[in-house]
Amino acid sequence: MTIRKGQEWGSLAVASTAMVTVSSNAELRALVETARKGGGDIATVGLLGGDLMRTLGGSAQPSRFTSGEPVPHLPIDLVRVVTDDSREGWFAAHLVARHSWWRGQIVAAMNAQFINTWDVAPRCHPNDGLVDLVTAPSTMNLQQRWLARSRLPLGTHVPHPLITTRQVASVVLDLPGKTPLWLDGQRWGSARRITITVEPDAFVAVV
C-alpha cells in the first residue's frame, strides 16, 4: 500500500545476505527493466548510490547492510513509459524530455526528488502513487533559465511563474515534435507522445 498521512512507511529489518545491491541509477533501471520484461518480481534491492538513494536519505556505505542491525525496507513505486511507436520502458527515479536545457520545452517526470545535485522536485515522494511533473515552457528565455538552473541545487527554482508542477498517477504527454528522452539519466530514444503510468509498491528498496 502506498504511503498514507500519519502512517508508518516501510519497516525495519536486517538486510538479507541474498539482497541485490546497486550503486547507480543505471544499475537500478537495468534491474527493474529485466524483471518487468521477463515477467518476474523485482528483487529487494539495497541502494548504494543514485538519485533514489539520495531521496531516501541513504549513503554509499555497504557496511550498513552487513552490520546485523535493522535497516529501513521501503516500498517504492515504479513508473512505466510507452511511446507513440509502442516502445516500453520503466524508470525508478526520473524521466526527462528535452532538446536542450537552454531552449525549448523541458519536462521532468519525477519519482525521486533529485537529478544528480539538483533538487528538482522538493515535494516528491517515491511511494505516494504519483509522479511530480515539472514543466519549463519554451517561452522561458535564456536569462530565466540560467536563474532557475542556479537555484536547482537548493530546490528554490519553484514556485516560479513559468515553471509548472503537478502530481499525476497517469498522464499522456504530447511533446513538441520528436523529443529526446532520458530515463534515469540514460538516453532512451525520442518520441512525440508518451504515456506515463505509476505502478505503486513495485519493489522494496533497502537504505
N, C-alpha and C. Protein backbone atom coordinates (compact mmCIF):
# COMPACT_ATOMS: atom_id res chain seq x y z
N MET A 1 0.85 -1.19 0.00
CA MET A 1 0.00 0.00 0.00
C MET A 1 0.89 1.24 0.00
N THR A 2 0.56 2.23 -0.84
CA THR A 2 1.34 3.47 -0.88
C THR A 2 1.22 4.21 0.45
N ILE A 3 2.17 5.10 0.68
CA ILE A 3 2.23 5.80 1.95
C ILE A 3 0.96 6.60 2.20
N ARG A 4 0.53 6.64 3.45
CA ARG A 4 -0.64 7.39 3.86
C ARG A 4 -0.25 8.34 4.99
N LYS A 5 -0.84 9.53 4.99
CA LYS A 5 -0.54 10.52 6.00
C LYS A 5 -0.81 9.96 7.39
N GLY A 6 0.17 10.13 8.28
CA GLY A 6 0.01 9.68 9.65
C GLY A 6 0.34 8.23 9.88
N GLN A 7 0.71 7.49 8.82
CA GLN A 7 1.04 6.08 8.96
C GLN A 7 2.54 5.86 8.78
N GLU A 8 3.06 4.82 9.41
CA GLU A 8 4.46 4.46 9.24
C GLU A 8 4.71 3.99 7.81
N TRP A 9 5.89 4.30 7.31
CA TRP A 9 6.26 3.88 5.95
C TRP A 9 7.34 2.82 6.03
N GLY A 10 7.08 1.65 5.46
CA GLY A 10 8.06 0.60 5.42
C GLY A 10 8.25 -0.06 6.78
N SER A 11 9.39 -0.75 6.92
CA SER A 11 9.67 -1.47 8.16
C SER A 11 11.18 -1.56 8.37
N LEU A 12 11.57 -1.92 9.57
CA LEU A 12 12.98 -2.15 9.90
C LEU A 12 13.24 -3.65 9.94
N ALA A 13 14.30 -4.08 9.27
CA ALA A 13 14.66 -5.49 9.27
C ALA A 13 16.15 -5.61 8.94
N VAL A 14 16.74 -6.71 9.34
CA VAL A 14 18.14 -6.98 8.98
C VAL A 14 18.20 -7.30 7.50
N ALA A 15 19.15 -6.70 6.80
CA ALA A 15 19.29 -6.93 5.36
C ALA A 15 19.67 -8.37 5.07
N SER A 16 19.02 -8.95 4.09
CA SER A 16 19.31 -10.33 3.69
C SER A 16 20.66 -10.40 2.97
N THR A 17 21.39 -11.46 3.21
CA THR A 17 22.67 -11.65 2.52
C THR A 17 22.46 -11.93 1.04
N ALA A 18 21.24 -12.31 0.67
CA ALA A 18 20.93 -12.57 -0.74
C ALA A 18 20.43 -11.33 -1.47
N MET A 19 20.35 -10.22 -0.77
CA MET A 19 19.82 -8.98 -1.36
C MET A 19 20.72 -8.48 -2.48
N VAL A 20 20.11 -8.01 -3.56
CA VAL A 20 20.84 -7.39 -4.66
C VAL A 20 21.16 -5.95 -4.28
N THR A 21 22.36 -5.47 -4.62
CA THR A 21 22.70 -4.07 -4.39
C THR A 21 23.02 -3.39 -5.71
N VAL A 22 22.72 -2.09 -5.77
CA VAL A 22 23.04 -1.28 -6.96
C VAL A 22 23.70 0.01 -6.49
N SER A 23 24.53 0.57 -7.36
CA SER A 23 25.30 1.76 -7.00
C SER A 23 25.00 2.97 -7.87
N SER A 24 24.02 2.86 -8.77
CA SER A 24 23.73 3.97 -9.67
C SER A 24 22.30 3.88 -10.19
N ASN A 25 21.84 4.98 -10.77
CA ASN A 25 20.53 4.98 -11.44
C ASN A 25 20.48 3.92 -12.53
N ALA A 26 21.56 3.82 -13.31
CA ALA A 26 21.59 2.89 -14.43
C ALA A 26 21.48 1.45 -13.97
N GLU A 27 22.16 1.10 -12.89
CA GLU A 27 22.09 -0.28 -12.39
C GLU A 27 20.70 -0.62 -11.89
N LEU A 28 20.06 0.34 -11.22
CA LEU A 28 18.71 0.10 -10.72
C LEU A 28 17.72 -0.06 -11.87
N ARG A 29 17.83 0.80 -12.87
CA ARG A 29 16.90 0.69 -14.01
C ARG A 29 17.10 -0.63 -14.76
N ALA A 30 18.34 -1.06 -14.91
CA ALA A 30 18.60 -2.34 -15.56
C ALA A 30 17.95 -3.49 -14.79
N LEU A 31 18.02 -3.43 -13.47
CA LEU A 31 17.41 -4.47 -12.63
C LEU A 31 15.90 -4.52 -12.81
N VAL A 32 15.24 -3.35 -12.72
CA VAL A 32 13.78 -3.35 -12.79
C VAL A 32 13.29 -3.67 -14.21
N GLU A 33 14.00 -3.19 -15.22
CA GLU A 33 13.57 -3.48 -16.60
C GLU A 33 13.72 -4.97 -16.93
N THR A 34 14.79 -5.58 -16.46
CA THR A 34 14.98 -7.01 -16.70
C THR A 34 13.85 -7.81 -16.07
N ALA A 35 13.47 -7.44 -14.86
CA ALA A 35 12.38 -8.14 -14.17
C ALA A 35 11.06 -7.92 -14.89
N ARG A 36 10.75 -6.68 -15.25
CA ARG A 36 9.49 -6.39 -15.90
C ARG A 36 9.39 -7.08 -17.26
N LYS A 37 10.42 -7.02 -18.04
CA LYS A 37 10.38 -7.62 -19.38
C LYS A 37 10.37 -9.15 -19.30
N GLY A 38 10.91 -9.70 -18.20
CA GLY A 38 10.91 -11.14 -18.03
C GLY A 38 9.67 -11.66 -17.34
N GLY A 39 8.81 -10.77 -16.88
CA GLY A 39 7.57 -11.17 -16.23
C GLY A 39 7.72 -11.62 -14.80
N GLY A 40 8.89 -11.34 -14.19
CA GLY A 40 9.11 -11.77 -12.81
C GLY A 40 9.01 -10.63 -11.82
N ASP A 41 9.13 -10.97 -10.54
CA ASP A 41 9.12 -9.95 -9.50
C ASP A 41 10.46 -9.22 -9.45
N ILE A 42 10.43 -8.00 -9.00
CA ILE A 42 11.65 -7.23 -8.81
C ILE A 42 12.24 -7.58 -7.45
N ALA A 43 13.50 -7.93 -7.43
CA ALA A 43 14.15 -8.32 -6.19
C ALA A 43 14.24 -7.14 -5.22
N THR A 44 14.24 -7.46 -3.93
CA THR A 44 14.55 -6.44 -2.94
C THR A 44 15.96 -5.93 -3.21
N VAL A 45 16.13 -4.60 -3.22
CA VAL A 45 17.39 -4.04 -3.69
C VAL A 45 17.95 -3.06 -2.67
N GLY A 46 19.23 -3.24 -2.35
CA GLY A 46 19.93 -2.31 -1.47
C GLY A 46 20.53 -1.18 -2.29
N LEU A 47 20.26 0.04 -1.90
CA LEU A 47 20.72 1.21 -2.66
C LEU A 47 22.03 1.75 -2.09
N LEU A 48 23.07 1.75 -2.93
CA LEU A 48 24.38 2.26 -2.55
C LEU A 48 24.78 3.47 -3.38
N GLY A 49 23.85 4.02 -4.12
CA GLY A 49 24.11 5.19 -4.94
C GLY A 49 22.88 5.51 -5.76
N GLY A 50 22.93 6.68 -6.44
CA GLY A 50 21.84 7.07 -7.32
C GLY A 50 20.88 8.05 -6.68
N ASP A 51 20.01 8.60 -7.51
CA ASP A 51 19.10 9.67 -7.07
C ASP A 51 18.01 9.17 -6.14
N LEU A 52 17.58 7.92 -6.31
CA LEU A 52 16.58 7.39 -5.39
C LEU A 52 17.18 7.21 -4.00
N MET A 53 18.41 6.72 -3.94
CA MET A 53 19.07 6.57 -2.64
C MET A 53 19.18 7.91 -1.92
N ARG A 54 19.55 8.95 -2.66
CA ARG A 54 19.68 10.27 -2.04
C ARG A 54 18.32 10.76 -1.55
N THR A 55 17.28 10.53 -2.33
CA THR A 55 15.93 10.92 -1.92
C THR A 55 15.52 10.25 -0.62
N LEU A 56 15.94 8.99 -0.45
CA LEU A 56 15.55 8.21 0.72
C LEU A 56 16.49 8.44 1.92
N GLY A 57 17.52 9.26 1.72
CA GLY A 57 18.42 9.57 2.83
C GLY A 57 19.47 8.51 3.09
N GLY A 58 19.77 7.68 2.08
CA GLY A 58 20.77 6.63 2.23
C GLY A 58 22.19 7.17 2.06
N SER A 59 23.16 6.28 2.15
CA SER A 59 24.56 6.64 1.95
C SER A 59 25.29 5.48 1.30
N ALA A 60 26.38 5.78 0.65
CA ALA A 60 27.14 4.76 -0.08
C ALA A 60 28.07 3.98 0.85
N GLN A 61 27.50 3.39 1.91
CA GLN A 61 28.28 2.63 2.88
C GLN A 61 27.73 1.20 2.94
N PRO A 62 28.33 0.26 2.20
CA PRO A 62 27.81 -1.10 2.19
C PRO A 62 27.84 -1.79 3.54
N SER A 63 28.65 -1.29 4.47
CA SER A 63 28.76 -1.93 5.79
C SER A 63 27.43 -1.90 6.55
N ARG A 64 26.56 -0.95 6.24
CA ARG A 64 25.28 -0.90 6.96
C ARG A 64 24.38 -2.08 6.62
N PHE A 65 24.67 -2.75 5.49
CA PHE A 65 23.88 -3.92 5.10
C PHE A 65 24.45 -5.21 5.69
N THR A 66 25.64 -5.15 6.26
CA THR A 66 26.28 -6.36 6.80
C THR A 66 26.51 -6.27 8.31
N SER A 67 26.03 -5.21 8.93
CA SER A 67 26.29 -4.99 10.36
C SER A 67 25.41 -5.86 11.25
N GLY A 68 24.34 -6.43 10.70
CA GLY A 68 23.40 -7.19 11.51
C GLY A 68 22.37 -6.33 12.20
N GLU A 69 22.45 -5.00 12.00
CA GLU A 69 21.47 -4.09 12.58
C GLU A 69 20.29 -3.91 11.63
N PRO A 70 19.10 -3.72 12.15
CA PRO A 70 17.93 -3.47 11.28
C PRO A 70 18.10 -2.18 10.48
N VAL A 71 17.69 -2.23 9.22
CA VAL A 71 17.75 -1.08 8.33
C VAL A 71 16.40 -0.91 7.65
N PRO A 72 16.08 0.31 7.18
CA PRO A 72 14.77 0.53 6.57
C PRO A 72 14.57 -0.27 5.28
N HIS A 73 13.43 -0.93 5.19
CA HIS A 73 12.95 -1.59 3.98
C HIS A 73 11.70 -0.84 3.53
N LEU A 74 11.77 -0.19 2.38
CA LEU A 74 10.74 0.76 1.98
C LEU A 74 10.09 0.37 0.65
N PRO A 75 8.77 0.27 0.59
CA PRO A 75 8.10 0.02 -0.69
C PRO A 75 8.26 1.23 -1.61
N ILE A 76 8.53 0.96 -2.88
CA ILE A 76 8.82 2.03 -3.84
C ILE A 76 7.95 1.84 -5.09
N ASP A 77 7.47 2.96 -5.62
CA ASP A 77 6.74 2.93 -6.89
C ASP A 77 7.72 2.84 -8.06
N LEU A 78 7.24 2.30 -9.15
CA LEU A 78 7.97 2.26 -10.42
C LEU A 78 7.09 2.98 -11.44
N VAL A 79 7.69 3.50 -12.50
CA VAL A 79 6.91 4.23 -13.49
C VAL A 79 7.15 3.64 -14.88
N ARG A 80 6.05 3.31 -15.54
CA ARG A 80 6.08 2.72 -16.89
C ARG A 80 5.90 3.82 -17.93
N VAL A 81 6.67 3.71 -19.01
CA VAL A 81 6.59 4.68 -20.10
C VAL A 81 6.33 3.92 -21.41
N VAL A 82 5.37 4.40 -22.19
CA VAL A 82 5.10 3.84 -23.51
C VAL A 82 5.10 4.99 -24.52
N THR A 83 5.86 4.84 -25.60
CA THR A 83 5.94 5.90 -26.60
C THR A 83 4.90 5.70 -27.69
N ASP A 84 4.79 6.70 -28.57
CA ASP A 84 3.81 6.63 -29.65
C ASP A 84 4.13 5.53 -30.67
N ASP A 85 5.36 5.01 -30.65
CA ASP A 85 5.68 3.88 -31.53
C ASP A 85 5.72 2.57 -30.74
N SER A 86 5.04 2.55 -29.58
CA SER A 86 4.83 1.35 -28.75
C SER A 86 6.08 0.84 -28.06
N ARG A 87 7.11 1.64 -27.97
CA ARG A 87 8.28 1.25 -27.18
C ARG A 87 7.93 1.37 -25.70
N GLU A 88 8.40 0.42 -24.90
CA GLU A 88 8.04 0.35 -23.49
C GLU A 88 9.29 0.35 -22.63
N GLY A 89 9.25 1.13 -21.57
CA GLY A 89 10.36 1.16 -20.62
C GLY A 89 9.88 1.54 -19.24
N TRP A 90 10.79 1.53 -18.27
CA TRP A 90 10.46 1.87 -16.89
C TRP A 90 11.55 2.75 -16.30
N PHE A 91 11.16 3.57 -15.35
CA PHE A 91 12.17 4.31 -14.59
C PHE A 91 11.81 4.29 -13.11
N ALA A 92 12.84 4.34 -12.28
CA ALA A 92 12.66 4.35 -10.84
C ALA A 92 12.82 5.75 -10.27
N ALA A 93 13.61 6.60 -10.92
CA ALA A 93 13.91 7.93 -10.39
C ALA A 93 13.26 9.05 -11.20
N HIS A 94 13.53 9.10 -12.51
CA HIS A 94 13.01 10.23 -13.28
C HIS A 94 13.08 9.99 -14.79
N LEU A 95 12.22 10.71 -15.49
CA LEU A 95 12.24 10.83 -16.94
C LEU A 95 12.41 12.29 -17.28
N VAL A 96 13.26 12.58 -18.28
CA VAL A 96 13.41 13.95 -18.77
C VAL A 96 13.21 13.93 -20.28
N ALA A 97 12.36 14.85 -20.76
CA ALA A 97 12.12 15.03 -22.19
C ALA A 97 12.57 16.44 -22.56
N ARG A 98 13.57 16.55 -23.41
CA ARG A 98 14.10 17.87 -23.77
C ARG A 98 14.99 17.77 -25.00
N HIS A 99 15.13 18.89 -25.69
CA HIS A 99 16.17 19.03 -26.72
C HIS A 99 17.43 19.64 -26.10
N SER A 100 17.24 20.66 -25.29
CA SER A 100 18.36 21.36 -24.67
C SER A 100 17.88 21.94 -23.35
N TRP A 101 18.82 22.15 -22.42
CA TRP A 101 18.47 22.84 -21.18
C TRP A 101 18.22 24.32 -21.43
N TRP A 102 18.69 24.83 -22.57
CA TRP A 102 18.72 26.28 -22.80
C TRP A 102 17.69 26.76 -23.79
N ARG A 103 16.96 25.86 -24.43
CA ARG A 103 15.90 26.28 -25.36
C ARG A 103 14.86 25.18 -25.45
N GLY A 104 13.65 25.58 -25.83
CA GLY A 104 12.59 24.60 -25.99
C GLY A 104 11.98 24.16 -24.67
N GLN A 105 10.92 23.37 -24.79
CA GLN A 105 10.24 22.85 -23.60
C GLN A 105 11.07 21.78 -22.90
N ILE A 106 11.01 21.77 -21.57
CA ILE A 106 11.64 20.73 -20.76
C ILE A 106 10.58 20.14 -19.86
N VAL A 107 10.46 18.81 -19.87
CA VAL A 107 9.53 18.12 -18.98
C VAL A 107 10.31 17.09 -18.17
N ALA A 108 10.12 17.11 -16.86
CA ALA A 108 10.72 16.11 -15.98
C ALA A 108 9.61 15.43 -15.20
N ALA A 109 9.52 14.11 -15.31
CA ALA A 109 8.58 13.32 -14.51
C ALA A 109 9.39 12.68 -13.39
N MET A 110 9.12 13.10 -12.15
CA MET A 110 9.98 12.77 -11.03
C MET A 110 9.33 11.76 -10.09
N ASN A 111 10.00 10.61 -9.89
CA ASN A 111 9.64 9.68 -8.83
C ASN A 111 10.63 9.80 -7.68
N ALA A 112 11.75 10.46 -7.93
CA ALA A 112 12.73 10.82 -6.91
C ALA A 112 12.80 12.33 -6.82
N GLN A 113 13.36 12.83 -5.76
CA GLN A 113 13.44 14.28 -5.55
C GLN A 113 14.54 14.91 -6.39
N PHE A 114 15.62 14.15 -6.65
CA PHE A 114 16.84 14.73 -7.21
C PHE A 114 17.17 14.20 -8.61
N ILE A 115 17.85 15.06 -9.39
CA ILE A 115 18.61 14.65 -10.56
C ILE A 115 20.03 15.11 -10.31
N ASN A 116 20.89 14.16 -9.99
CA ASN A 116 22.27 14.47 -9.60
C ASN A 116 22.25 15.45 -8.42
N THR A 117 22.84 16.63 -8.58
CA THR A 117 22.89 17.61 -7.47
C THR A 117 21.69 18.54 -7.46
N TRP A 118 20.77 18.38 -8.39
CA TRP A 118 19.63 19.28 -8.49
C TRP A 118 18.44 18.76 -7.69
N ASP A 119 17.87 19.61 -6.88
CA ASP A 119 16.67 19.31 -6.11
C ASP A 119 15.46 19.71 -6.97
N VAL A 120 15.14 18.87 -7.94
CA VAL A 120 14.16 19.22 -8.97
C VAL A 120 12.73 19.23 -8.44
N ALA A 121 12.39 18.27 -7.60
CA ALA A 121 11.02 18.13 -7.12
C ALA A 121 11.03 18.01 -5.59
N PRO A 122 11.14 19.14 -4.87
CA PRO A 122 11.31 19.11 -3.42
C PRO A 122 10.20 18.38 -2.66
N ARG A 123 9.01 18.31 -3.23
CA ARG A 123 7.88 17.68 -2.52
C ARG A 123 7.61 16.25 -3.00
N CYS A 124 8.48 15.74 -3.85
CA CYS A 124 8.26 14.42 -4.44
C CYS A 124 8.44 13.31 -3.38
N HIS A 125 7.61 12.29 -3.48
CA HIS A 125 7.74 11.11 -2.61
C HIS A 125 7.66 9.86 -3.49
N PRO A 126 8.61 8.93 -3.37
CA PRO A 126 8.65 7.76 -4.27
C PRO A 126 7.68 6.64 -3.93
N ASN A 127 6.75 6.91 -3.00
CA ASN A 127 5.75 5.87 -2.70
C ASN A 127 4.38 6.47 -2.41
N ASP A 128 4.06 7.56 -3.14
CA ASP A 128 2.73 8.16 -2.97
C ASP A 128 1.79 7.83 -4.12
N GLY A 129 2.24 6.95 -5.04
CA GLY A 129 1.40 6.58 -6.18
C GLY A 129 1.34 7.63 -7.26
N LEU A 130 2.22 8.64 -7.20
CA LEU A 130 2.19 9.76 -8.14
C LEU A 130 3.60 10.10 -8.60
N VAL A 131 3.69 10.70 -9.79
CA VAL A 131 4.93 11.36 -10.19
C VAL A 131 4.71 12.87 -10.15
N ASP A 132 5.77 13.60 -9.84
CA ASP A 132 5.72 15.06 -9.91
C ASP A 132 6.16 15.47 -11.31
N LEU A 133 5.26 16.12 -12.03
CA LEU A 133 5.52 16.52 -13.41
C LEU A 133 5.94 17.99 -13.40
N VAL A 134 7.21 18.25 -13.70
CA VAL A 134 7.77 19.60 -13.67
C VAL A 134 8.02 20.03 -15.11
N THR A 135 7.41 21.14 -15.53
CA THR A 135 7.49 21.57 -16.92
C THR A 135 7.99 23.01 -17.01
N ALA A 136 9.03 23.21 -17.81
CA ALA A 136 9.51 24.55 -18.16
C ALA A 136 9.15 24.79 -19.62
N PRO A 137 8.38 25.83 -19.93
CA PRO A 137 7.89 26.02 -21.29
C PRO A 137 8.96 26.59 -22.22
N SER A 138 8.70 26.50 -23.50
CA SER A 138 9.63 27.02 -24.50
C SER A 138 9.75 28.53 -24.43
N THR A 139 8.77 29.20 -23.79
CA THR A 139 8.80 30.66 -23.70
C THR A 139 9.79 31.19 -22.68
N MET A 140 10.36 30.33 -21.84
CA MET A 140 11.38 30.79 -20.90
C MET A 140 12.62 31.24 -21.67
N ASN A 141 13.06 32.48 -21.40
CA ASN A 141 14.24 32.96 -22.11
C ASN A 141 15.52 32.48 -21.42
N LEU A 142 16.65 32.81 -22.02
CA LEU A 142 17.93 32.30 -21.55
C LEU A 142 18.24 32.80 -20.13
N GLN A 143 17.95 34.06 -19.85
CA GLN A 143 18.21 34.61 -18.53
C GLN A 143 17.37 33.91 -17.47
N GLN A 144 16.10 33.66 -17.77
CA GLN A 144 15.22 32.98 -16.82
C GLN A 144 15.69 31.55 -16.57
N ARG A 145 16.16 30.88 -17.63
CA ARG A 145 16.66 29.51 -17.49
C ARG A 145 17.93 29.48 -16.65
N TRP A 146 18.81 30.42 -16.87
CA TRP A 146 20.05 30.46 -16.10
C TRP A 146 19.76 30.68 -14.62
N LEU A 147 18.82 31.58 -14.32
CA LEU A 147 18.47 31.84 -12.94
C LEU A 147 17.84 30.62 -12.28
N ALA A 148 16.91 29.97 -13.01
CA ALA A 148 16.27 28.77 -12.47
C ALA A 148 17.29 27.66 -12.24
N ARG A 149 18.21 27.48 -13.19
CA ARG A 149 19.23 26.44 -13.06
C ARG A 149 20.13 26.70 -11.86
N SER A 150 20.46 27.97 -11.61
CA SER A 150 21.33 28.29 -10.47
C SER A 150 20.64 28.00 -9.14
N ARG A 151 19.30 27.96 -9.14
CA ARG A 151 18.55 27.69 -7.92
C ARG A 151 18.23 26.21 -7.72
N LEU A 152 18.49 25.40 -8.72
CA LEU A 152 18.12 23.98 -8.64
C LEU A 152 18.79 23.23 -7.48
N PRO A 153 20.05 23.47 -7.16
CA PRO A 153 20.65 22.68 -6.07
C PRO A 153 19.93 22.83 -4.74
N LEU A 154 19.25 23.95 -4.52
CA LEU A 154 18.54 24.17 -3.25
C LEU A 154 17.03 23.98 -3.39
N GLY A 155 16.56 23.68 -4.58
CA GLY A 155 15.14 23.48 -4.78
C GLY A 155 14.34 24.76 -4.78
N THR A 156 15.00 25.91 -4.92
CA THR A 156 14.30 27.20 -4.86
C THR A 156 13.89 27.72 -6.23
N HIS A 157 14.01 26.87 -7.25
CA HIS A 157 13.53 27.24 -8.59
C HIS A 157 12.01 27.24 -8.66
N VAL A 158 11.36 26.60 -7.68
CA VAL A 158 9.90 26.61 -7.59
C VAL A 158 9.50 27.16 -6.21
N PRO A 159 8.38 27.88 -6.12
CA PRO A 159 7.50 28.22 -7.24
C PRO A 159 8.12 29.26 -8.18
N HIS A 160 7.68 29.23 -9.43
CA HIS A 160 8.15 30.12 -10.48
C HIS A 160 6.96 30.39 -11.39
N PRO A 161 6.79 31.62 -11.85
CA PRO A 161 5.61 31.93 -12.66
C PRO A 161 5.52 31.16 -13.97
N LEU A 162 6.63 30.64 -14.47
CA LEU A 162 6.61 29.91 -15.73
C LEU A 162 6.76 28.40 -15.56
N ILE A 163 7.37 27.97 -14.47
CA ILE A 163 7.57 26.54 -14.24
C ILE A 163 6.33 25.97 -13.54
N THR A 164 5.73 24.95 -14.14
CA THR A 164 4.54 24.34 -13.53
C THR A 164 4.91 22.99 -12.92
N THR A 165 4.25 22.66 -11.82
CA THR A 165 4.43 21.37 -11.15
C THR A 165 3.06 20.80 -10.82
N ARG A 166 2.83 19.55 -11.21
CA ARG A 166 1.59 18.89 -10.83
C ARG A 166 1.88 17.41 -10.58
N GLN A 167 1.03 16.79 -9.80
CA GLN A 167 1.19 15.38 -9.46
C GLN A 167 0.14 14.55 -10.20
N VAL A 168 0.58 13.46 -10.81
CA VAL A 168 -0.33 12.63 -11.59
C VAL A 168 0.01 11.15 -11.36
N ALA A 169 -1.01 10.30 -11.43
CA ALA A 169 -0.80 8.86 -11.37
C ALA A 169 -0.60 8.29 -12.77
N SER A 170 -1.19 8.96 -13.76
CA SER A 170 -1.07 8.55 -15.15
C SER A 170 -1.31 9.77 -16.02
N VAL A 171 -0.56 9.88 -17.11
CA VAL A 171 -0.72 11.04 -17.98
C VAL A 171 -0.22 10.72 -19.38
N VAL A 172 -0.85 11.32 -20.38
CA VAL A 172 -0.37 11.26 -21.75
C VAL A 172 0.20 12.63 -22.10
N LEU A 173 1.46 12.67 -22.51
CA LEU A 173 2.13 13.93 -22.83
C LEU A 173 2.36 14.03 -24.33
N ASP A 174 1.82 15.06 -24.94
CA ASP A 174 2.11 15.38 -26.33
C ASP A 174 3.28 16.34 -26.34
N LEU A 175 4.39 15.90 -26.89
CA LEU A 175 5.61 16.68 -26.89
C LEU A 175 5.72 17.51 -28.17
N PRO A 176 6.47 18.61 -28.14
CA PRO A 176 6.60 19.47 -29.31
C PRO A 176 7.54 18.87 -30.36
N GLY A 177 7.02 17.97 -31.16
CA GLY A 177 7.86 17.28 -32.14
C GLY A 177 8.57 16.09 -31.51
N LYS A 178 9.41 15.46 -32.27
CA LYS A 178 10.14 14.28 -31.80
C LYS A 178 11.20 14.74 -30.81
N THR A 179 11.00 14.39 -29.55
CA THR A 179 11.81 14.94 -28.46
C THR A 179 12.67 13.86 -27.83
N PRO A 180 13.97 14.11 -27.63
CA PRO A 180 14.84 13.14 -26.95
C PRO A 180 14.37 12.88 -25.52
N LEU A 181 14.51 11.62 -25.09
CA LEU A 181 14.10 11.18 -23.76
C LEU A 181 15.27 10.60 -23.00
N TRP A 182 15.27 10.83 -21.70
CA TRP A 182 16.24 10.20 -20.79
C TRP A 182 15.48 9.52 -19.67
N LEU A 183 15.77 8.24 -19.44
CA LEU A 183 15.20 7.51 -18.31
C LEU A 183 16.31 7.26 -17.30
N ASP A 184 16.12 7.76 -16.09
CA ASP A 184 17.12 7.61 -15.03
C ASP A 184 18.52 8.01 -15.50
N GLY A 185 18.55 9.09 -16.30
CA GLY A 185 19.82 9.64 -16.74
C GLY A 185 20.41 9.02 -17.99
N GLN A 186 19.76 7.99 -18.54
CA GLN A 186 20.26 7.33 -19.74
C GLN A 186 19.42 7.70 -20.95
N ARG A 187 20.07 8.02 -22.05
CA ARG A 187 19.34 8.37 -23.28
C ARG A 187 18.51 7.17 -23.73
N TRP A 188 17.25 7.44 -24.06
CA TRP A 188 16.29 6.38 -24.38
C TRP A 188 15.46 6.77 -25.59
N GLY A 189 16.11 7.08 -26.70
CA GLY A 189 15.39 7.37 -27.93
C GLY A 189 14.64 8.68 -27.88
N SER A 190 13.66 8.83 -28.78
CA SER A 190 12.87 10.04 -28.90
C SER A 190 11.41 9.67 -29.15
N ALA A 191 10.52 10.62 -28.89
CA ALA A 191 9.10 10.37 -29.09
C ALA A 191 8.35 11.69 -29.25
N ARG A 192 7.18 11.61 -29.88
CA ARG A 192 6.27 12.76 -29.98
C ARG A 192 5.20 12.71 -28.90
N ARG A 193 4.90 11.50 -28.45
CA ARG A 193 3.89 11.31 -27.41
C ARG A 193 4.34 10.19 -26.49
N ILE A 194 4.16 10.39 -25.19
CA ILE A 194 4.48 9.34 -24.23
C ILE A 194 3.33 9.20 -23.22
N THR A 195 3.11 7.96 -22.82
CA THR A 195 2.15 7.67 -21.76
C THR A 195 2.92 7.22 -20.53
N ILE A 196 2.68 7.89 -19.41
CA ILE A 196 3.38 7.62 -18.17
C ILE A 196 2.37 7.08 -17.16
N THR A 197 2.69 5.93 -16.54
CA THR A 197 1.79 5.31 -15.58
C THR A 197 2.57 4.84 -14.37
N VAL A 198 2.14 5.25 -13.19
CA VAL A 198 2.79 4.82 -11.95
C VAL A 198 2.32 3.42 -11.58
N GLU A 199 3.29 2.55 -11.22
CA GLU A 199 3.00 1.22 -10.70
C GLU A 199 3.32 1.24 -9.20
N PRO A 200 2.29 1.41 -8.35
CA PRO A 200 2.54 1.55 -6.91
C PRO A 200 3.16 0.30 -6.29
N ASP A 201 3.99 0.51 -5.27
CA ASP A 201 4.55 -0.60 -4.48
C ASP A 201 5.19 -1.67 -5.36
N ALA A 202 5.97 -1.26 -6.35
CA ALA A 202 6.50 -2.22 -7.32
C ALA A 202 7.68 -3.02 -6.78
N PHE A 203 8.44 -2.46 -5.85
CA PHE A 203 9.57 -3.19 -5.29
C PHE A 203 9.92 -2.59 -3.93
N VAL A 204 10.85 -3.25 -3.24
CA VAL A 204 11.29 -2.80 -1.92
C VAL A 204 12.75 -2.37 -2.02
N ALA A 205 13.02 -1.15 -1.56
CA ALA A 205 14.38 -0.63 -1.51
C ALA A 205 14.86 -0.63 -0.06
N VAL A 206 16.12 -0.99 0.13
CA VAL A 206 16.73 -1.02 1.45
C VAL A 206 17.77 0.09 1.53
N VAL A 207 17.67 0.90 2.57
CA VAL A 207 18.64 2.00 2.74
C VAL A 207 19.21 1.99 4.16
